[in-house]
Amino acid sequence: MPRVALVMHESVMLYEAAIAAEILGVDRSDLAPGGAWYDAVVCTPDGAPHRWLPHLPTSSYAGLGGADLVVVPSVEDVGADPDPALVAGLRAAHRGGAQIASLCTGSFVLAAAGLLDGRAAATHWMHADELAQRYPAVDVRADVLYVDEGDVLTSAGKTAALDLCLHLVRRDLGATAATGLARRLVVPAHRSGGQAQFIAAPTEPRNPDGLAPTLEWARARLDRPLTVRELADHAGLSTRQLARRMRAELQAGPLVWLHQQRIARAQELLERTDASVDQVAASCGMGTAATLRRHFHRAVGVTPTTYRATFRLT
C-alpha cells in the first residue's frame, strides 16, 4: 500500500487537513480493486499525536523520508517562515523519491523548500500574487484547481484540495476507487486540474461615491447591449476618463468589467433558477446559448450545464 505522510505543522488549518485525512487516512480498501489503500501516518514536529487526528499513527518530520506521498495542508500565516525541520524533511523526502503535494496555501511551504522552483504551481487565488512575488522562480497559476507536475502537486484553495486528493486516488489506485469514494462522499467524481477556480471577480469600486451609481445602472441593464460611451455618458465622463477611473477603482477596463458582470449574472441564474441556457444567455446579455457557452467556458472553465449541476441551489 502507498505510504502517505500527512504533515500537521504548527499553523495547519483544519479544513484542508480534514479533507486529506478523510480521503487518504480512512481505510477505503473495499473500494479499490485488489483491496489496497493508503497506509497513513501523521507527521508532527515532535512526533506526538495530533489532537485532531488521534486515531492515526504519528511520526516526527524525520519520518517523511519513508513516505511515498507527503501531503502538506494549508498554512494560516503565509508570511511566516516554515519550520526548518519541516523544510529539511520535505527536501529529503523528495530526494528519496517521494511525491510531495500541497493543499491551498501549503504551497508556500513547498516554495520555501525550493520544490516549486521552475515549476507551475497552484494556490488559493487570494494569495497567488504574494506567492509569485516572494518566489519569482515559481510559475504561479491562479486560474486552475490543481497542478500535477508528476513528483510535485499543488492545489488551489479550500475545496480544490478535495479535487487534488481525489486525483491522487484516481492516479494511484484507479478510476473505480476514486469514483466510488466520490460517490460515498457525495461530491463530483472528477474536476480536471485545468478547470478554472470559481473566483468572485471584484465588482465594487474603491471609491463608493464615484462610479457606484453608474455601475448599479449598468447591472440593472445587463440584458441589453451596453457601450462604453453609454457608461461614460451616465457617469458624466469622457470614455478615456471612464477607462482610467475603472482601472484605478476596479482593476478592470469598462468592457472587461461588463463581461465579468454578465458572467456573474449567468452564474447566479444557473445556481438559483431553472431558466434554460437560452434564457440565461438572453438575461445576461450574451444573446445566444452558443455565445454564452463559449464565453462562460473560457471564463469559468466548464460549460453552463456542468456549472449548474455542480452549484445548483436546491
Protein backbone atom coordinates (compact mmCIF):
# COMPACT_ATOMS: atom_id res chain seq x y z
CA MET A 1 0.00 0.00 0.00
CA PRO A 2 1.26 3.53 -0.72
CA ARG A 3 2.57 5.11 2.46
CA VAL A 4 1.28 8.67 2.89
CA ALA A 5 2.58 11.18 5.42
CA LEU A 6 0.15 13.92 6.39
CA VAL A 7 2.09 16.91 7.74
CA MET A 8 0.37 18.54 10.71
CA HIS A 9 2.59 21.59 11.03
CA GLU A 10 2.16 24.20 13.72
CA SER A 11 -0.07 26.54 11.67
CA VAL A 12 -2.11 23.87 9.92
CA MET A 13 -5.69 24.77 9.02
CA LEU A 14 -8.49 22.35 9.86
CA TYR A 15 -10.47 22.26 6.62
CA GLU A 16 -7.77 21.06 4.23
CA ALA A 17 -6.20 18.79 6.85
CA ALA A 18 -9.60 17.17 7.41
CA ILE A 19 -10.06 16.63 3.66
CA ALA A 20 -6.72 14.88 3.35
CA ALA A 21 -7.36 12.78 6.45
CA GLU A 22 -10.83 11.77 5.25
CA ILE A 23 -9.68 10.71 1.79
CA LEU A 24 -6.20 9.35 2.45
CA GLY A 25 -6.35 8.46 6.15
CA VAL A 26 -9.52 6.33 6.26
CA ASP A 27 -9.32 2.73 5.08
CA ARG A 28 -11.42 2.53 1.91
CA SER A 29 -9.88 -0.70 0.64
CA ASP A 30 -13.34 -2.05 -0.15
CA LEU A 31 -13.49 0.47 -2.99
CA ALA A 32 -10.19 -0.40 -4.63
CA PRO A 33 -9.54 -3.31 -6.96
CA GLY A 34 -7.16 -5.63 -5.11
CA GLY A 35 -8.14 -4.17 -1.73
CA ALA A 36 -5.25 -1.68 -1.49
CA TRP A 37 -5.49 1.70 0.16
CA TYR A 38 -3.12 4.21 1.71
CA ASP A 39 -1.07 3.47 4.81
CA ALA A 40 -1.32 6.87 6.51
CA VAL A 41 0.84 8.39 9.21
CA VAL A 42 0.60 11.85 10.76
CA CYS A 43 3.88 13.76 10.98
CA THR A 44 4.14 16.40 13.71
CA PRO A 45 7.18 18.45 14.79
CA ASP A 46 8.00 16.18 17.74
CA GLY A 47 6.15 13.02 16.73
CA ALA A 48 3.42 13.50 19.33
CA PRO A 49 -0.17 12.57 18.39
CA HIS A 50 -2.17 15.47 16.98
CA ARG A 51 -5.36 16.39 18.81
CA TRP A 52 -7.37 16.47 15.57
CA LEU A 53 -6.25 13.03 14.37
CA PRO A 54 -5.60 10.91 17.47
CA HIS A 55 -6.63 7.69 15.67
CA LEU A 56 -3.73 7.77 13.19
CA PRO A 57 -0.15 6.69 13.95
CA THR A 58 2.33 9.53 14.30
CA SER A 59 5.93 10.28 13.49
CA SER A 60 8.21 13.29 13.58
CA TYR A 61 9.29 15.19 10.48
CA ALA A 62 12.20 12.76 10.26
CA GLY A 63 9.63 10.15 9.21
CA LEU A 64 8.82 12.00 6.00
CA GLY A 65 11.68 10.22 4.30
CA GLY A 66 9.88 6.88 4.47
CA ALA A 67 6.76 8.07 2.68
CA ASP A 68 5.70 7.51 -0.91
CA LEU A 69 3.49 10.61 -0.74
CA VAL A 70 3.77 13.64 1.56
CA VAL A 71 0.78 15.96 1.88
CA VAL A 72 1.22 19.47 3.29
CA PRO A 73 -2.12 21.15 4.18
CA SER A 74 -2.66 24.90 4.17
CA VAL A 75 -0.86 27.32 6.47
CA GLU A 76 -2.72 30.03 8.36
CA ASP A 77 0.03 32.66 8.12
CA VAL A 78 1.60 32.64 4.66
CA GLY A 79 4.08 35.30 5.73
CA ALA A 80 5.69 33.15 8.42
CA ASP A 81 8.78 31.09 7.64
CA PRO A 82 8.08 27.36 7.92
CA ASP A 83 9.82 25.16 10.48
CA PRO A 84 13.37 24.47 9.21
CA ALA A 85 12.97 20.83 10.27
CA LEU A 86 9.91 20.54 8.02
CA VAL A 87 11.72 22.16 5.10
CA ALA A 88 14.64 19.77 5.55
CA GLY A 89 12.29 16.80 5.84
CA LEU A 90 10.46 17.72 2.65
CA ARG A 91 13.70 18.11 0.72
CA ALA A 92 14.95 14.76 1.98
CA ALA A 93 11.67 13.04 1.15
CA HIS A 94 11.70 14.47 -2.36
CA ARG A 95 15.30 13.44 -2.92
CA GLY A 96 14.31 9.96 -1.77
CA GLY A 97 11.65 9.69 -4.46
CA ALA A 98 8.52 10.71 -2.55
CA GLN A 99 5.79 12.67 -4.25
CA ILE A 100 5.05 15.96 -2.49
CA ALA A 101 1.59 17.55 -2.56
CA SER A 102 0.39 20.81 -1.04
CA LEU A 103 -3.18 21.89 -0.38
CA CYS A 104 -4.16 25.55 -0.73
CA THR A 105 -1.52 27.76 0.95
CA GLY A 106 0.63 24.75 1.78
CA SER A 107 2.30 25.76 -1.47
CA PHE A 108 4.22 28.41 0.50
CA VAL A 109 5.93 25.64 2.46
CA LEU A 110 6.89 23.80 -0.74
CA ALA A 111 8.15 27.04 -2.26
CA ALA A 112 10.28 27.74 0.82
CA ALA A 113 11.80 24.29 0.40
CA GLY A 114 12.67 25.10 -3.21
CA LEU A 115 10.46 22.32 -4.52
CA LEU A 116 8.44 24.63 -6.77
CA ASP A 117 11.35 26.39 -8.50
CA GLY A 118 10.91 26.20 -12.25
CA ARG A 119 7.52 24.55 -11.90
CA ALA A 120 3.90 25.52 -12.41
CA ALA A 121 2.03 25.66 -9.11
CA ALA A 122 -1.46 26.45 -7.83
CA THR A 123 -2.51 28.12 -4.61
CA HIS A 124 -5.55 29.99 -3.32
CA TRP A 125 -6.25 32.84 -5.73
CA MET A 126 -6.23 35.36 -2.87
CA HIS A 127 -2.55 34.57 -2.20
CA ALA A 128 -1.34 33.93 -5.75
CA ASP A 129 0.24 37.37 -6.19
CA GLU A 130 2.13 37.10 -2.91
CA LEU A 131 3.43 33.63 -3.79
CA ALA A 132 4.64 34.92 -7.16
CA GLN A 133 6.31 37.98 -5.61
CA ARG A 134 8.08 36.07 -2.84
CA TYR A 135 9.16 33.18 -5.05
CA PRO A 136 9.74 34.52 -8.59
CA ALA A 137 11.14 31.17 -9.76
CA VAL A 138 7.66 29.65 -9.38
CA ASP A 139 5.18 29.76 -12.27
CA VAL A 140 2.09 30.55 -10.21
CA ARG A 141 -1.20 29.53 -11.82
CA ALA A 142 -4.04 31.43 -10.18
CA ASP A 143 -6.69 30.15 -12.57
CA VAL A 144 -6.62 26.38 -12.08
CA LEU A 145 -7.85 23.94 -9.45
CA TYR A 146 -4.64 21.96 -9.16
CA VAL A 147 -1.36 21.30 -10.93
CA ASP A 148 0.20 17.84 -11.29
CA GLU A 149 3.90 18.09 -12.09
CA GLY A 150 4.45 14.39 -11.52
CA ASP A 151 6.52 14.36 -8.36
CA VAL A 152 5.14 17.66 -7.02
CA LEU A 153 1.45 18.56 -6.93
CA THR A 154 -0.30 21.71 -5.71
CA SER A 155 -3.93 22.66 -5.28
CA ALA A 156 -5.86 25.89 -5.21
CA GLY A 157 -7.88 26.99 -2.22
CA LYS A 158 -10.28 25.17 0.04
CA THR A 159 -12.42 22.62 -1.80
CA ALA A 160 -9.88 22.34 -4.60
CA ALA A 161 -7.95 20.30 -2.03
CA LEU A 162 -10.68 17.69 -2.39
CA ASP A 163 -10.21 17.68 -6.15
CA LEU A 164 -6.48 17.10 -5.80
CA CYS A 165 -6.91 14.32 -3.23
CA LEU A 166 -9.41 12.53 -5.47
CA HIS A 167 -6.99 13.00 -8.35
CA LEU A 168 -4.30 11.29 -6.27
CA VAL A 169 -6.63 8.36 -5.55
CA ARG A 170 -7.51 8.11 -9.24
CA ARG A 171 -3.85 8.18 -10.23
CA ASP A 172 -2.61 5.81 -7.52
CA LEU A 173 -5.50 3.37 -7.13
CA GLY A 174 -7.58 3.77 -10.29
CA ALA A 175 -10.78 5.40 -11.51
CA THR A 176 -13.02 2.80 -9.84
CA ALA A 177 -11.65 3.65 -6.40
CA ALA A 178 -11.85 7.42 -6.99
CA THR A 179 -15.37 7.29 -8.39
CA GLY A 180 -16.59 5.06 -5.59
CA LEU A 181 -15.08 7.34 -2.98
CA ALA A 182 -16.59 10.44 -4.58
CA ARG A 183 -20.00 8.77 -4.56
CA ARG A 184 -19.56 7.89 -0.89
CA LEU A 185 -18.59 11.46 -0.06
CA VAL A 186 -21.41 12.85 -2.24
CA VAL A 187 -19.11 15.07 -4.32
CA PRO A 188 -18.41 15.39 -8.06
CA ALA A 189 -16.35 12.43 -9.20
CA HIS A 190 -13.89 14.47 -11.21
CA ARG A 191 -13.00 18.08 -11.91
CA SER A 192 -9.89 18.37 -14.03
CA GLY A 193 -6.99 20.39 -12.71
CA GLY A 194 -7.13 22.78 -15.64
CA GLN A 195 -10.61 23.91 -14.71
CA ALA A 196 -10.69 27.49 -13.55
CA GLN A 197 -11.07 28.33 -9.89
CA PHE A 198 -14.53 29.71 -9.26
CA ILE A 199 -13.30 33.19 -8.42
CA ALA A 200 -15.61 36.00 -7.49
CA ALA A 201 -14.37 38.88 -9.62
CA PRO A 202 -14.03 42.24 -7.84
CA THR A 203 -17.09 44.30 -8.64
CA GLU A 204 -17.21 47.10 -6.10
CA PRO A 205 -15.29 50.35 -6.62
CA ARG A 206 -12.75 51.51 -4.08
CA ASN A 207 -14.45 54.92 -4.11
CA PRO A 208 -18.14 54.11 -3.48
CA ASP A 209 -19.16 57.73 -4.07
CA GLY A 210 -17.61 57.78 -7.52
CA LEU A 211 -18.65 55.20 -10.08
CA ALA A 212 -21.12 53.25 -7.92
CA PRO A 213 -24.30 54.82 -9.39
CA THR A 214 -23.16 54.10 -12.94
CA LEU A 215 -22.18 50.54 -12.08
CA GLU A 216 -25.57 49.88 -10.50
CA TRP A 217 -27.25 51.43 -13.54
CA ALA A 218 -25.30 49.09 -15.80
CA ARG A 219 -26.01 46.00 -13.68
CA ALA A 220 -29.73 46.68 -13.99
CA ARG A 221 -29.38 46.64 -17.79
CA LEU A 222 -27.17 43.61 -18.42
CA ASP A 223 -29.87 42.08 -20.62
CA ARG A 224 -29.29 44.89 -23.14
CA PRO A 225 -26.37 45.93 -25.33
CA LEU A 226 -24.25 48.48 -23.47
CA THR A 227 -21.43 50.55 -24.88
CA VAL A 228 -18.52 52.31 -23.24
CA ARG A 229 -19.95 55.59 -24.50
CA GLU A 230 -23.25 54.93 -22.69
CA LEU A 231 -21.42 54.17 -19.47
CA ALA A 232 -19.29 57.29 -19.82
CA ASP A 233 -22.30 59.49 -20.55
CA HIS A 234 -24.10 58.19 -17.47
CA ALA A 235 -21.02 58.88 -15.34
CA GLY A 236 -20.56 62.34 -16.88
CA LEU A 237 -17.07 61.43 -18.08
CA SER A 238 -15.26 61.03 -21.36
CA THR A 239 -14.58 57.46 -22.44
CA ARG A 240 -10.88 57.90 -21.60
CA GLN A 241 -11.68 59.29 -18.16
CA LEU A 242 -14.06 56.41 -17.52
CA ALA A 243 -11.44 53.85 -18.53
CA ARG A 244 -8.83 55.41 -16.23
CA ARG A 245 -11.27 55.58 -13.31
CA MET A 246 -12.43 51.99 -13.73
CA ARG A 247 -8.90 50.64 -13.93
CA ALA A 248 -7.98 52.56 -10.79
CA GLU A 249 -11.10 51.63 -8.81
CA LEU A 250 -11.96 48.20 -10.23
CA GLN A 251 -8.69 46.95 -11.73
CA ALA A 252 -10.57 46.37 -14.99
CA GLY A 253 -11.50 48.42 -18.03
CA PRO A 254 -15.14 49.04 -18.99
CA LEU A 255 -15.54 46.15 -21.43
CA VAL A 256 -13.76 43.67 -19.15
CA TRP A 257 -15.93 44.78 -16.22
CA LEU A 258 -19.11 44.41 -18.26
CA HIS A 259 -18.05 40.93 -19.33
CA GLN A 260 -17.35 39.97 -15.71
CA GLN A 261 -20.80 41.18 -14.71
CA ARG A 262 -22.50 39.21 -17.47
CA ILE A 263 -20.67 36.03 -16.44
CA ALA A 264 -21.53 36.66 -12.78
CA ARG A 265 -25.20 37.15 -13.69
CA ALA A 266 -25.17 33.91 -15.66
CA GLN A 267 -23.65 32.08 -12.67
CA GLU A 268 -26.34 33.47 -10.37
CA LEU A 269 -29.14 32.44 -12.73
CA LEU A 270 -27.69 28.95 -13.21
CA GLU A 271 -27.43 28.50 -9.45
CA ARG A 272 -30.79 29.94 -8.44
CA THR A 273 -33.25 29.44 -11.31
CA ASP A 274 -34.49 26.77 -13.70
CA ALA A 275 -34.08 29.07 -16.71
CA SER A 276 -32.81 27.37 -19.86
CA VAL A 277 -29.35 28.20 -21.16
CA ASP A 278 -31.01 30.24 -23.93
CA GLN A 279 -32.96 32.21 -21.33
CA VAL A 280 -29.85 32.73 -19.21
CA ALA A 281 -27.96 33.96 -22.28
CA ALA A 282 -30.68 36.50 -23.02
CA SER A 283 -30.92 37.66 -19.40
CA CYS A 284 -27.21 38.36 -19.08
CA GLY A 285 -26.81 39.99 -22.49
CA MET A 286 -24.94 37.18 -24.22
CA GLY A 287 -27.56 36.86 -26.93
CA THR A 288 -27.49 33.15 -27.76
CA ALA A 289 -26.78 29.94 -25.90
CA ALA A 290 -23.79 29.28 -28.16
CA THR A 291 -22.26 32.65 -27.30
CA LEU A 292 -22.85 32.10 -23.61
CA ARG A 293 -21.30 28.63 -23.69
CA ARG A 294 -18.19 29.93 -25.45
CA HIS A 295 -17.61 32.86 -23.09
CA PHE A 296 -18.69 31.00 -19.96
CA HIS A 297 -16.33 28.10 -20.63
CA ARG A 298 -13.47 30.49 -21.32
CA ALA A 299 -14.08 32.42 -18.08
CA VAL A 300 -15.09 29.65 -15.66
CA GLY A 301 -13.55 26.56 -17.22
CA VAL A 302 -16.73 24.47 -17.53
CA THR A 303 -19.95 24.63 -19.52
CA PRO A 304 -23.06 26.32 -18.08
CA THR A 305 -24.72 22.91 -17.74
CA THR A 306 -21.80 21.47 -15.77
CA TYR A 307 -21.68 24.57 -13.57
CA ARG A 308 -25.37 24.26 -12.80
CA ALA A 309 -25.03 20.57 -11.97
CA THR A 310 -22.25 21.39 -9.51
CA PHE A 311 -23.59 24.55 -7.86
CA ARG A 312 -27.37 24.39 -8.24
CA LEU A 313 -29.00 25.60 -5.03
CA THR A 314 -31.81 23.25 -4.01
